[in-house]
N, C-alpha and C. Protein backbone atom coordinates (compact mmCIF):
# COMPACT_ATOMS: atom_id res chain seq x y z
N MET A 1 -10.99 -8.19 -25.86
CA MET A 1 -9.48 -8.17 -26.13
C MET A 1 -9.00 -7.08 -25.23
N GLU A 2 -8.02 -7.67 -24.28
CA GLU A 2 -7.47 -7.07 -23.15
C GLU A 2 -5.91 -6.92 -23.35
N LEU A 3 -5.63 -5.36 -23.29
CA LEU A 3 -4.26 -5.30 -23.30
C LEU A 3 -3.44 -5.74 -22.53
N THR A 4 -2.00 -6.34 -22.23
CA THR A 4 -1.12 -6.74 -21.46
C THR A 4 -0.76 -5.57 -20.58
N ALA A 5 0.05 -5.94 -19.71
CA ALA A 5 0.41 -4.64 -18.84
C ALA A 5 1.32 -3.73 -19.50
N SER A 6 2.56 -4.57 -20.30
CA SER A 6 3.23 -3.76 -21.15
C SER A 6 3.01 -3.02 -22.20
N ALA A 7 1.70 -3.14 -23.00
CA ALA A 7 1.13 -2.69 -23.80
C ALA A 7 0.35 -1.50 -23.35
N ARG A 8 -0.52 -1.42 -21.79
CA ARG A 8 -0.72 -0.43 -21.55
C ARG A 8 0.36 0.47 -21.26
N ASN A 9 1.36 -0.05 -20.70
CA ASN A 9 2.40 1.17 -20.06
C ASN A 9 2.97 1.78 -21.18
N ARG A 10 2.95 1.04 -22.62
CA ARG A 10 3.55 1.94 -23.69
C ARG A 10 2.35 2.96 -24.39
N THR A 11 1.10 2.48 -24.03
CA THR A 11 0.17 3.38 -24.47
C THR A 11 0.25 4.73 -23.64
N GLY A 12 0.36 4.49 -22.27
CA GLY A 12 0.64 5.60 -21.24
C GLY A 12 1.42 6.37 -21.56
N ILE A 13 2.83 5.96 -21.93
CA ILE A 13 3.48 6.50 -22.13
C ILE A 13 3.68 7.20 -23.63
N ARG A 14 2.80 7.00 -24.48
CA ARG A 14 2.73 7.62 -25.79
C ARG A 14 1.84 8.95 -25.50
N ASP A 15 0.44 8.19 -24.77
CA ASP A 15 -0.68 9.38 -24.54
C ASP A 15 0.17 10.65 -23.64
N ALA A 16 1.34 10.10 -22.74
CA ALA A 16 1.93 11.24 -22.10
C ALA A 16 2.97 12.24 -22.96
N ASP A 17 3.47 11.41 -24.04
CA ASP A 17 4.55 12.14 -24.96
C ASP A 17 3.43 13.14 -25.47
N GLY A 18 2.19 12.80 -26.15
CA GLY A 18 1.56 13.68 -26.77
C GLY A 18 0.63 14.68 -26.19
N MET A 19 0.62 14.49 -25.01
CA MET A 19 0.40 15.68 -23.94
C MET A 19 1.16 16.89 -23.93
N ALA A 20 2.72 16.33 -23.85
CA ALA A 20 4.05 17.36 -23.89
C ALA A 20 3.88 17.73 -25.05
N VAL A 21 3.64 17.34 -26.24
CA VAL A 21 3.72 18.16 -27.68
C VAL A 21 2.54 19.02 -27.44
N ALA A 22 1.25 18.39 -27.09
CA ALA A 22 0.32 19.48 -27.39
C ALA A 22 0.40 20.81 -26.21
N SER A 23 1.07 20.46 -25.19
CA SER A 23 1.08 21.50 -24.18
C SER A 23 2.02 22.57 -24.56
N PHE A 24 3.17 22.09 -25.35
CA PHE A 24 4.17 23.18 -26.12
C PHE A 24 3.62 24.07 -27.15
N VAL A 25 2.90 23.11 -27.97
CA VAL A 25 1.95 23.73 -29.07
C VAL A 25 0.75 24.65 -28.70
N LEU A 26 0.25 24.36 -27.79
CA LEU A 26 -0.95 25.35 -27.23
C LEU A 26 -0.32 26.45 -26.47
N GLY A 27 0.76 26.41 -25.94
CA GLY A 27 1.37 27.30 -25.10
C GLY A 27 2.04 28.31 -26.17
N LEU A 28 2.51 27.85 -27.47
CA LEU A 28 3.27 28.79 -28.31
C LEU A 28 2.12 29.35 -29.10
N LEU A 29 0.92 28.76 -29.21
CA LEU A 29 0.04 29.27 -30.14
C LEU A 29 -0.68 30.50 -29.00
N GLY A 30 -0.91 29.97 -28.01
CA GLY A 30 -1.43 31.14 -26.64
C GLY A 30 -0.69 32.18 -26.77
N LEU A 31 0.69 32.41 -26.87
CA LEU A 31 1.31 33.82 -26.85
C LEU A 31 0.68 34.81 -28.09
N LEU A 32 0.07 33.95 -29.09
CA LEU A 32 -0.55 34.94 -30.11
C LEU A 32 -1.72 35.32 -29.72
N VAL A 33 -2.54 34.25 -29.64
CA VAL A 33 -4.30 34.28 -29.67
C VAL A 33 -4.97 33.39 -28.46
N LEU A 34 -5.80 33.90 -27.86
CA LEU A 34 -6.68 33.20 -26.93
C LEU A 34 -5.71 32.62 -25.82
N ASN A 35 -4.79 33.61 -25.24
CA ASN A 35 -3.98 33.32 -24.08
C ASN A 35 -4.93 32.89 -22.95
N ILE A 36 -6.10 33.43 -22.76
CA ILE A 36 -6.75 33.10 -21.56
C ILE A 36 -7.50 31.81 -21.21
N VAL A 37 -7.48 31.04 -22.70
CA VAL A 37 -7.91 29.58 -22.82
C VAL A 37 -6.77 28.52 -23.04
N LEU A 38 -5.67 29.26 -23.90
CA LEU A 38 -4.49 28.12 -24.11
C LEU A 38 -3.56 28.14 -22.97
N GLY A 39 -3.27 29.09 -22.49
CA GLY A 39 -2.31 28.99 -21.27
C GLY A 39 -2.73 27.94 -20.18
N PRO A 40 -4.00 28.23 -19.60
CA PRO A 40 -4.08 27.14 -18.35
C PRO A 40 -4.21 25.88 -19.08
N THR A 41 -4.58 25.80 -20.49
CA THR A 41 -4.44 24.42 -21.12
C THR A 41 -3.36 24.06 -21.26
N ALA A 42 -2.53 24.61 -21.53
CA ALA A 42 -1.11 24.30 -21.49
C ALA A 42 -0.55 23.78 -20.38
N ILE A 43 -0.87 24.77 -19.44
CA ILE A 43 -0.22 24.11 -17.92
C ILE A 43 -0.81 22.69 -17.44
N VAL A 44 -2.13 22.84 -17.46
CA VAL A 44 -2.80 21.62 -17.15
C VAL A 44 -2.33 20.04 -18.02
N LEU A 45 -2.21 20.39 -19.18
CA LEU A 45 -1.61 19.44 -20.29
C LEU A 45 -0.05 18.96 -19.87
N SER A 46 0.95 19.99 -19.78
CA SER A 46 2.20 19.78 -19.20
C SER A 46 2.38 19.13 -17.47
N GLY A 47 1.61 19.56 -17.06
CA GLY A 47 1.59 18.89 -15.53
C GLY A 47 1.10 17.48 -15.48
N LEU A 48 -0.03 16.98 -16.56
CA LEU A 48 -0.66 15.85 -16.67
C LEU A 48 0.75 14.75 -17.34
N ALA A 49 1.26 15.67 -18.47
CA ALA A 49 2.40 14.74 -18.99
C ALA A 49 3.67 14.46 -18.15
N LEU A 50 3.86 15.25 -17.37
CA LEU A 50 4.94 15.35 -16.30
C LEU A 50 4.54 14.44 -15.09
N TRP A 51 3.34 14.59 -14.70
CA TRP A 51 2.99 13.16 -14.10
C TRP A 51 2.82 11.83 -14.13
N ARG A 52 2.71 11.79 -15.56
CA ARG A 52 2.53 10.27 -16.15
C ARG A 52 3.96 9.96 -16.65
N GLY A 53 4.97 10.45 -16.54
CA GLY A 53 6.16 10.33 -16.75
C GLY A 53 6.46 10.06 -18.49
N THR A 54 6.49 11.42 -18.71
CA THR A 54 6.68 11.71 -20.17
C THR A 54 8.18 11.18 -20.72
N ALA A 55 8.56 10.83 -21.94
CA ALA A 55 10.00 10.69 -22.55
C ALA A 55 9.98 11.95 -22.49
N ARG A 56 9.35 13.01 -23.19
CA ARG A 56 9.66 14.28 -23.49
C ARG A 56 9.44 15.16 -22.46
N ARG A 57 10.27 15.12 -21.55
CA ARG A 57 10.18 15.90 -20.35
C ARG A 57 10.87 17.53 -20.65
N GLY A 58 11.26 17.82 -21.31
CA GLY A 58 11.80 19.01 -21.74
C GLY A 58 10.92 19.78 -22.47
N ARG A 59 9.89 18.84 -23.24
CA ARG A 59 9.04 19.66 -24.09
C ARG A 59 7.79 20.33 -23.01
N ALA A 60 7.74 19.14 -22.32
CA ALA A 60 6.61 19.57 -21.31
C ALA A 60 6.98 20.37 -20.19
N LEU A 61 7.98 20.65 -19.81
CA LEU A 61 8.65 21.90 -19.03
C LEU A 61 8.40 23.06 -20.13
N LEU A 62 8.71 23.00 -21.35
CA LEU A 62 8.69 24.31 -22.02
C LEU A 62 7.08 24.74 -22.02
N GLY A 63 6.29 23.64 -22.59
CA GLY A 63 4.99 23.74 -22.33
C GLY A 63 4.47 24.49 -21.15
N LEU A 64 5.01 24.11 -20.02
CA LEU A 64 4.49 24.53 -19.01
C LEU A 64 5.11 26.28 -18.83
N ALA A 65 6.22 26.33 -19.07
CA ALA A 65 6.84 27.79 -19.17
C ALA A 65 5.79 28.82 -20.14
N LEU A 66 5.54 28.36 -21.16
CA LEU A 66 4.94 29.04 -22.29
C LEU A 66 3.42 28.73 -21.61
N GLY A 67 2.83 28.19 -20.81
CA GLY A 67 1.61 28.49 -20.58
C GLY A 67 1.39 29.59 -19.61
N VAL A 68 2.63 29.60 -18.44
CA VAL A 68 2.66 30.71 -17.45
C VAL A 68 3.02 32.12 -18.37
N ALA A 69 3.71 31.93 -19.31
CA ALA A 69 4.03 32.93 -20.03
C ALA A 69 2.85 33.69 -20.44
N ASP A 70 1.86 32.71 -21.21
CA ASP A 70 0.68 33.33 -22.06
C ASP A 70 -0.23 34.07 -20.82
N LEU A 71 -0.28 33.71 -19.57
CA LEU A 71 -0.77 34.59 -18.52
C LEU A 71 -0.21 35.62 -18.13
N VAL A 72 1.27 35.63 -18.23
CA VAL A 72 1.87 36.69 -17.77
C VAL A 72 1.46 37.85 -18.95
N VAL A 73 1.49 37.30 -20.27
CA VAL A 73 1.36 38.27 -21.15
C VAL A 73 -0.25 39.09 -21.17
N LEU A 74 -1.00 37.95 -20.92
CA LEU A 74 -2.39 38.26 -20.61
C LEU A 74 -2.74 39.38 -19.46
N ALA A 75 -1.97 39.23 -18.32
CA ALA A 75 -2.22 40.29 -17.39
C ALA A 75 -1.31 41.53 -17.69
N THR A 76 -0.33 41.49 -18.39
CA THR A 76 0.51 42.68 -18.75
C THR A 76 -0.79 43.48 -19.82
N VAL A 77 -1.32 42.99 -20.60
CA VAL A 77 -2.20 43.37 -21.57
C VAL A 77 -3.43 43.86 -20.82
N PHE A 78 -3.60 43.16 -19.92
CA PHE A 78 -4.93 43.92 -19.08
C PHE A 78 -4.60 44.98 -18.55
N THR A 79 -3.45 44.91 -17.70
CA THR A 79 -3.18 46.03 -17.01
C THR A 79 -2.97 47.30 -17.58
N SER A 80 -2.32 47.04 -18.72
CA SER A 80 -1.96 48.47 -19.61
C SER A 80 -2.71 49.23 -20.15
N SER A 81 -3.95 48.40 -20.46
CA SER A 81 -5.01 49.01 -21.37
C SER A 81 -6.44 49.11 -20.70
N GLY A 82 -6.38 48.16 -19.48
CA GLY A 82 -7.69 48.15 -18.94
C GLY A 82 -8.61 47.02 -19.82
N ALA A 83 -8.38 46.50 -20.77
CA ALA A 83 -9.40 45.55 -21.14
C ALA A 83 -8.58 44.28 -21.82
N VAL A 84 -9.03 43.09 -22.18
CA VAL A 84 -8.35 41.86 -22.64
C VAL A 84 -8.11 42.06 -24.04
N ILE A 85 -7.58 43.07 -24.89
CA ILE A 85 -7.40 43.15 -26.43
C ILE A 85 -5.89 43.38 -26.80
N TRP A 86 -6.01 42.94 -27.82
CA TRP A 86 -4.51 43.55 -28.19
C TRP A 86 -4.75 44.77 -29.12
N ASN A 87 -3.83 45.62 -28.81
CA ASN A 87 -3.90 47.16 -29.61
C ASN A 87 -2.27 47.32 -30.02
N PHE A 88 -2.56 47.30 -31.17
CA PHE A 88 -1.26 47.59 -31.86
C PHE A 88 -1.30 49.09 -32.53
N GLY A 89 -0.27 49.72 -32.25
CA GLY A 89 -0.12 51.13 -32.78
C GLY A 89 -0.51 52.53 -32.04
N GLY A 90 -1.41 52.33 -30.88
CA GLY A 90 -1.62 53.32 -30.26
C GLY A 90 -2.90 54.11 -30.63
């Protein structure tokens, strides 16, 4: 069974929309845990979603911004403490 061109197009847009939502969720989650992994993953997924023409462009851009913020938080924590760990309290 082969999909028609319009069915393939709808499937591609749905996949891109899912990537946009996933990039937003992973970027948001990456602010709290595993930002060294989740930040770049959010950036890649949002880039793919934007390239594929997602209908959720704002969510993809927000996922991109959160992915970059994950890496900024990682760099800040690394330069302040000298290690890639969270240290609350002193």
